[in-house]
């Protein structure tokens, strides 16, 4: 590791990266993260200082500030009436809309009123409709926002997890077998560039060639598969790669359509 790079925890690295991005003028309205980041007061303070909203997951045993003092998140939710819960979708999934029951509770600011600008703080709660499992989020926004907006941001965090999984599965982000800083950095950058290439190709393909009816849009996985059979090892393929690609995309479209119809039927929709 170079001598000019000091040790820093994951939370310190995240806060520093966020601050540098905002100071560089990167447009951003929200920050989303899991419990590791939701439990860090430094990250929350940086977001509030920069007037950037956040939806950060926390554990059920974390205490949140209320007018009556600090209260455990799960204890605060235990007294919610039935009408406080709203059914909303956190986004589209492979098998339909991700519907959950949601509730929110207004929190008190963590700093003295004279030392902070106007803002809004909430505890957002997600309840699984099948198991009743609860998930908790600490939220902040410079101004009032509807519950649906907080739910949308909470659902967007899953796309980050999907991106990590895609990077590992398609470009080998986690398959390095190196022990030195320079080798690790080169491998990571190369894997990220390869992933970015797949994403750009997929985006350009969808913009330049609209998807025909009955097939899903060209995905990063399909682009990688075509790149392998057409460029890397073209002589090993006996069947037509384009025909198999179209077959897979039609099959995935039928499966997705069936999942969505089944979900609508289960929810009592026509």
Protein backbone atom coordinates (compact mmCIF):
# COMPACT_ATOMS: atom_id res chain seq x y z
CA UNK A 1 0.00 0.00 0.00
CA UNK A 2 1.39 3.47 -0.84
CA UNK A 3 2.80 5.45 2.06
CA UNK A 4 0.48 8.41 1.44
CA UNK A 5 -2.66 6.34 2.04
CA UNK A 6 -3.73 6.17 5.68
CA UNK A 7 -5.95 3.59 7.31
CA UNK A 8 -9.65 4.50 7.46
CA UNK A 9 -12.72 2.55 8.47
CA UNK A 10 -15.46 1.71 6.01
CA UNK A 11 -17.70 4.39 7.50
CA UNK A 12 -14.99 7.05 7.30
CA UNK A 13 -14.28 6.12 3.69
CA UNK A 14 -17.97 6.38 2.80
CA UNK A 15 -18.33 9.78 4.47
CA UNK A 16 -15.20 11.07 2.76
CA UNK A 17 -16.27 9.81 -0.65
CA UNK A 18 -19.68 11.40 -0.22
CA UNK A 19 -18.20 14.74 0.83
CA UNK A 20 -15.75 14.80 -2.10
CA UNK A 21 -18.47 13.93 -4.60
CA UNK A 22 -20.78 16.68 -3.33
CA UNK A 23 -17.98 19.27 -3.22
CA UNK A 24 -17.10 18.33 -6.82
CA UNK A 25 -20.63 19.21 -7.90
CA UNK A 26 -22.01 15.70 -8.44
CA UNK A 27 -25.82 16.10 -8.46
CA UNK A 28 -27.53 14.11 -5.73
CA UNK A 29 -30.76 14.38 -3.79
CA UNK A 30 -30.69 11.23 -1.67
CA UNK A 31 -28.30 8.84 0.06
CA UNK A 32 -29.36 5.25 0.74
CA UNK A 33 -27.52 2.58 2.70
CA UNK A 34 -27.84 -0.51 4.87
CA UNK A 35 -27.50 -0.80 8.66
CA UNK A 36 -23.73 -0.37 8.57
CA UNK A 37 -24.17 3.20 7.35
CA UNK A 38 -27.46 3.92 9.09
CA UNK A 39 -25.81 3.44 12.48
CA UNK A 40 -23.08 6.02 11.75
CA UNK A 41 -23.92 9.48 13.16
CA UNK A 42 -21.05 11.03 11.19
CA UNK A 43 -22.53 10.06 7.85
CA UNK A 44 -25.96 11.33 8.84
CA UNK A 45 -24.46 14.60 10.05
CA UNK A 46 -22.59 15.07 6.77
CA UNK A 47 -25.78 14.56 4.78
CA UNK A 48 -27.68 17.02 6.95
CA UNK A 49 -24.90 19.59 6.65
CA UNK A 50 -24.95 19.24 2.87
CA UNK A 51 -28.78 19.33 2.85
CA UNK A 52 -28.94 15.91 1.20
CA UNK A 53 -31.79 13.61 2.13
CA UNK A 54 -31.09 10.09 3.32
CA UNK A 55 -32.90 6.80 3.91
CA UNK A 56 -30.57 4.61 5.95
CA UNK A 57 -31.46 1.24 7.44
CA UNK A 58 -31.00 0.70 11.19
CA UNK A 59 -31.42 -2.20 13.58
CA UNK A 60 -34.58 -2.72 15.59
CA UNK A 61 -32.70 -2.10 18.84
CA UNK A 62 -31.40 1.33 17.82
CA UNK A 63 -32.73 4.28 19.78
CA UNK A 64 -34.17 7.20 17.84
CA UNK A 65 -34.83 10.73 19.14
CA UNK A 66 -38.44 11.59 19.95
CA UNK A 67 -40.18 14.34 21.91
CA UNK A 68 -40.27 11.94 24.87
CA UNK A 69 -36.55 11.10 24.62
CA UNK A 70 -34.62 8.32 22.94
CA UNK A 71 -36.79 5.25 22.27
CA UNK A 72 -36.01 1.90 20.67
CA UNK A 73 -37.25 1.69 17.09
CA UNK A 74 -39.26 -1.50 17.62
CA UNK A 75 -40.85 -0.14 20.81
CA UNK A 76 -41.89 3.02 18.99
CA UNK A 77 -43.61 1.04 16.25
CA UNK A 78 -45.41 -1.34 18.61
CA UNK A 79 -48.12 1.21 19.37
CA UNK A 80 -48.98 2.13 15.80
CA UNK A 81 -52.68 1.73 14.89
CA UNK A 82 -53.77 -0.27 11.85
CA UNK A 83 -54.64 2.83 9.82
CA UNK A 84 -51.03 4.07 10.10
CA UNK A 85 -49.86 1.42 7.62
CA UNK A 86 -50.03 1.96 3.87
CA UNK A 87 -49.45 -0.62 1.16
CA UNK A 88 -46.90 0.70 -1.34
CA UNK A 89 -44.54 -0.80 -3.89
CA UNK A 90 -40.81 -0.41 -3.36
CA UNK A 91 -40.19 -1.01 -7.07
CA UNK A 92 -40.58 -3.59 -9.78
CA UNK A 93 -38.95 -6.98 -9.38
CA UNK A 94 -38.50 -10.00 -11.60
CA UNK A 95 -41.71 -11.53 -10.20
CA UNK A 96 -43.85 -8.42 -9.89
CA UNK A 97 -44.12 -5.29 -7.81
CA UNK A 98 -42.44 -5.46 -4.39
CA UNK A 99 -45.41 -4.59 -2.20
CA UNK A 100 -44.95 -4.01 1.54
CA UNK A 101 -46.82 -2.26 4.31
CA UNK A 102 -45.17 1.03 5.27
CA UNK A 103 -45.51 3.46 8.16
CA UNK A 104 -43.57 6.54 9.24
CA UNK A 105 -43.14 8.40 12.49
CA UNK A 106 -41.87 11.94 12.86
CA UNK A 107 -38.67 12.19 14.91
CA UNK A 108 -37.06 15.06 16.78
CA UNK A 109 -33.88 16.67 15.44
CA UNK A 110 -30.68 15.35 17.01
CA UNK A 111 -29.10 18.80 17.38
CA UNK A 112 -30.28 21.92 19.14
CA UNK A 113 -32.94 23.82 17.17
CA UNK A 114 -30.74 26.95 16.94
CA UNK A 115 -27.81 25.04 15.43
CA UNK A 116 -29.61 23.38 12.50
CA UNK A 117 -31.54 24.54 9.49
CA UNK A 118 -35.10 23.54 8.85
CA UNK A 119 -35.46 19.88 8.06
CA UNK A 120 -37.62 16.83 8.59
CA UNK A 121 -36.70 13.57 10.30
CA UNK A 122 -38.65 10.31 10.27
CA UNK A 123 -38.51 6.69 11.27
CA UNK A 124 -39.65 4.66 8.26
CA UNK A 125 -40.89 1.11 8.89
CA UNK A 126 -41.38 -1.65 6.33
CA UNK A 127 -43.53 -4.71 7.13
CA UNK A 128 -43.50 -7.90 5.10
CA UNK A 129 -47.08 -8.79 4.21
CA UNK A 130 -46.44 -12.53 4.46
CA UNK A 131 -44.18 -12.91 7.49
CA UNK A 132 -44.77 -9.66 9.36
CA UNK A 133 -41.01 -9.06 9.54
CA UNK A 134 -40.12 -5.41 10.18
CA UNK A 135 -37.30 -3.30 8.77
CA UNK A 136 -36.42 0.17 10.04
CA UNK A 137 -34.93 3.26 8.35
CA UNK A 138 -33.80 6.62 9.67
CA UNK A 139 -34.79 9.31 7.19
CA UNK A 140 -34.06 12.98 6.67
CA UNK A 141 -35.08 15.53 4.05
CA UNK A 142 -34.46 19.29 3.88
CA UNK A 143 -38.20 19.77 3.33
CA UNK A 144 -41.33 17.72 3.72
CA UNK A 145 -41.74 14.84 1.27
CA UNK A 146 -44.54 12.28 0.88
CA UNK A 147 -44.24 8.76 2.23
CA UNK A 148 -44.14 7.40 -1.31
CA UNK A 149 -40.89 9.26 -1.98
CA UNK A 150 -39.15 7.71 1.04
CA UNK A 151 -40.39 4.28 -0.04
CA UNK A 152 -39.01 4.89 -3.54
CA UNK A 153 -35.58 5.77 -2.16
CA UNK A 154 -35.59 2.75 0.16
CA UNK A 155 -36.37 0.53 -2.82
CA UNK A 156 -33.59 2.07 -4.91
CA UNK A 157 -31.00 0.71 -2.50
CA UNK A 158 -31.71 -2.77 -3.83
CA UNK A 159 -30.41 -1.69 -7.22
CA UNK A 160 -27.05 -1.07 -5.55
CA UNK A 161 -27.02 -4.63 -4.24
CA UNK A 162 -28.01 -5.89 -7.68
CA UNK A 163 -25.15 -3.93 -9.22
CA UNK A 164 -22.65 -5.56 -6.86
CA UNK A 165 -24.04 -8.99 -7.68
CA UNK A 166 -23.89 -8.24 -11.40
CA UNK A 167 -20.30 -7.03 -11.11
CA UNK A 168 -19.32 -10.22 -9.31
CA UNK A 169 -21.19 -12.54 -11.63
CA UNK A 170 -20.41 -10.94 -15.00
CA UNK A 171 -16.98 -9.31 -14.64
CA UNK A 172 -15.39 -11.19 -11.73
CA UNK A 173 -15.23 -8.25 -9.34
CA UNK A 174 -14.59 -10.57 -6.38
CA UNK A 175 -12.46 -13.19 -8.15
CA UNK A 176 -9.06 -11.55 -7.77
CA UNK A 177 -6.34 -13.70 -6.19
CA UNK A 178 -3.84 -10.99 -5.39
CA UNK A 179 -2.15 -9.85 -2.19
CA UNK A 180 -0.61 -6.52 -3.16
CA UNK A 181 -2.24 -3.10 -3.38
CA UNK A 182 -1.26 -2.37 -6.99
CA UNK A 183 -2.53 -5.72 -8.30
CA UNK A 184 -5.79 -5.44 -6.35
CA UNK A 185 -6.40 -1.90 -7.60
CA UNK A 186 -5.73 -2.83 -11.23
CA UNK A 187 -8.06 -5.83 -11.06
CA UNK A 188 -10.86 -3.85 -9.40
CA UNK A 189 -10.62 -0.99 -11.89
CA UNK A 190 -10.57 -3.41 -14.82
CA UNK A 191 -13.65 -5.26 -13.52
CA UNK A 192 -15.51 -1.98 -12.95
CA UNK A 193 -14.63 -0.75 -16.44
CA UNK A 194 -15.84 -4.02 -17.96
CA UNK A 195 -19.12 -3.70 -16.04
CA UNK A 196 -19.50 -0.08 -17.14
CA UNK A 197 -18.95 -1.16 -20.76
CA UNK A 198 -21.77 -3.70 -20.52
CA UNK A 199 -24.11 -1.12 -18.98
CA UNK A 200 -23.35 1.49 -21.65
CA UNK A 201 -23.83 -1.00 -24.48
CA UNK A 202 -27.17 -2.09 -23.00
CA UNK A 203 -28.33 1.53 -22.59
CA UNK A 204 -27.31 2.48 -26.14
CA UNK A 205 -28.97 -0.62 -27.55
CA UNK A 206 -32.27 0.21 -25.85
CA UNK A 207 -32.09 3.84 -27.01
CA UNK A 208 -31.13 3.11 -30.63
CA UNK A 209 -33.15 -0.07 -31.16
CA UNK A 210 -36.43 -0.19 -29.25
CA UNK A 211 -37.26 -3.64 -27.96
CA UNK A 212 -39.78 -5.55 -30.05
CA UNK A 213 -42.90 -6.98 -28.48
CA UNK A 214 -42.62 -10.31 -26.72
CA UNK A 215 -38.98 -10.09 -25.60
CA UNK A 216 -37.22 -8.40 -22.71
CA UNK A 217 -34.69 -5.61 -23.38
CA UNK A 218 -31.13 -6.64 -24.03
CA UNK A 219 -29.53 -7.13 -20.60
CA UNK A 220 -25.91 -7.00 -19.46
CA UNK A 221 -25.93 -10.76 -18.98
CA UNK A 222 -27.10 -11.35 -22.53
CA UNK A 223 -24.55 -8.90 -23.94
CA UNK A 224 -21.75 -10.69 -22.10
CA UNK A 225 -23.00 -14.04 -23.39
CA UNK A 226 -23.09 -12.77 -26.98
CA UNK A 227 -19.65 -11.21 -26.61
CA UNK A 228 -18.27 -14.54 -25.47
CA UNK A 229 -19.77 -16.65 -28.27
CA UNK A 230 -19.19 -14.10 -31.05
CA UNK A 231 -15.80 -12.63 -30.10
CA UNK A 232 -13.97 -14.68 -27.48
CA UNK A 233 -14.70 -18.21 -28.70
CA UNK A 234 -16.73 -18.07 -31.93
CA UNK A 235 -15.56 -21.42 -33.31
CA UNK A 236 -16.89 -23.39 -30.36
CA UNK A 237 -20.52 -22.49 -31.06
CA UNK A 238 -22.52 -24.71 -33.40
CA UNK A 239 -25.99 -23.18 -32.99
CA UNK A 240 -26.88 -19.66 -34.07
CA UNK A 241 -26.07 -17.33 -31.12
CA UNK A 242 -28.66 -14.75 -32.15
CA UNK A 243 -31.42 -17.35 -32.36
CA UNK A 244 -30.65 -18.67 -28.89
CA UNK A 245 -30.46 -15.10 -27.55
CA UNK A 246 -33.90 -14.28 -28.93
CA UNK A 247 -35.29 -17.54 -27.51
CA UNK A 248 -33.97 -16.74 -24.03
CA UNK A 249 -35.35 -13.21 -24.12
CA UNK A 250 -38.78 -14.44 -25.26
CA UNK A 251 -38.82 -17.07 -22.52
CA UNK A 252 -37.84 -14.50 -19.88
CA UNK A 253 -40.55 -12.15 -21.12
CA UNK A 254 -43.21 -14.87 -20.82
CA UNK A 255 -41.99 -15.77 -17.33
CA UNK A 256 -42.04 -12.15 -16.19
CA UNK A 257 -45.51 -11.58 -17.65
CA UNK A 258 -46.82 -14.70 -15.91
CA UNK A 259 -45.39 -13.60 -12.56
CA UNK A 260 -47.01 -10.17 -12.84
CA UNK A 261 -50.39 -11.64 -13.82
CA UNK A 262 -50.27 -14.09 -10.94
CA UNK A 263 -49.49 -11.26 -8.52
CA UNK A 264 -52.38 -9.16 -9.83
CA UNK A 265 -54.73 -12.13 -9.53
CA UNK A 266 -53.63 -12.78 -5.95
CA UNK A 267 -54.26 -9.13 -5.12
CA UNK A 268 -57.80 -9.34 -6.52
CA UNK A 269 -57.24 -7.17 -9.54
CA UNK A 270 -58.92 -7.82 -12.90
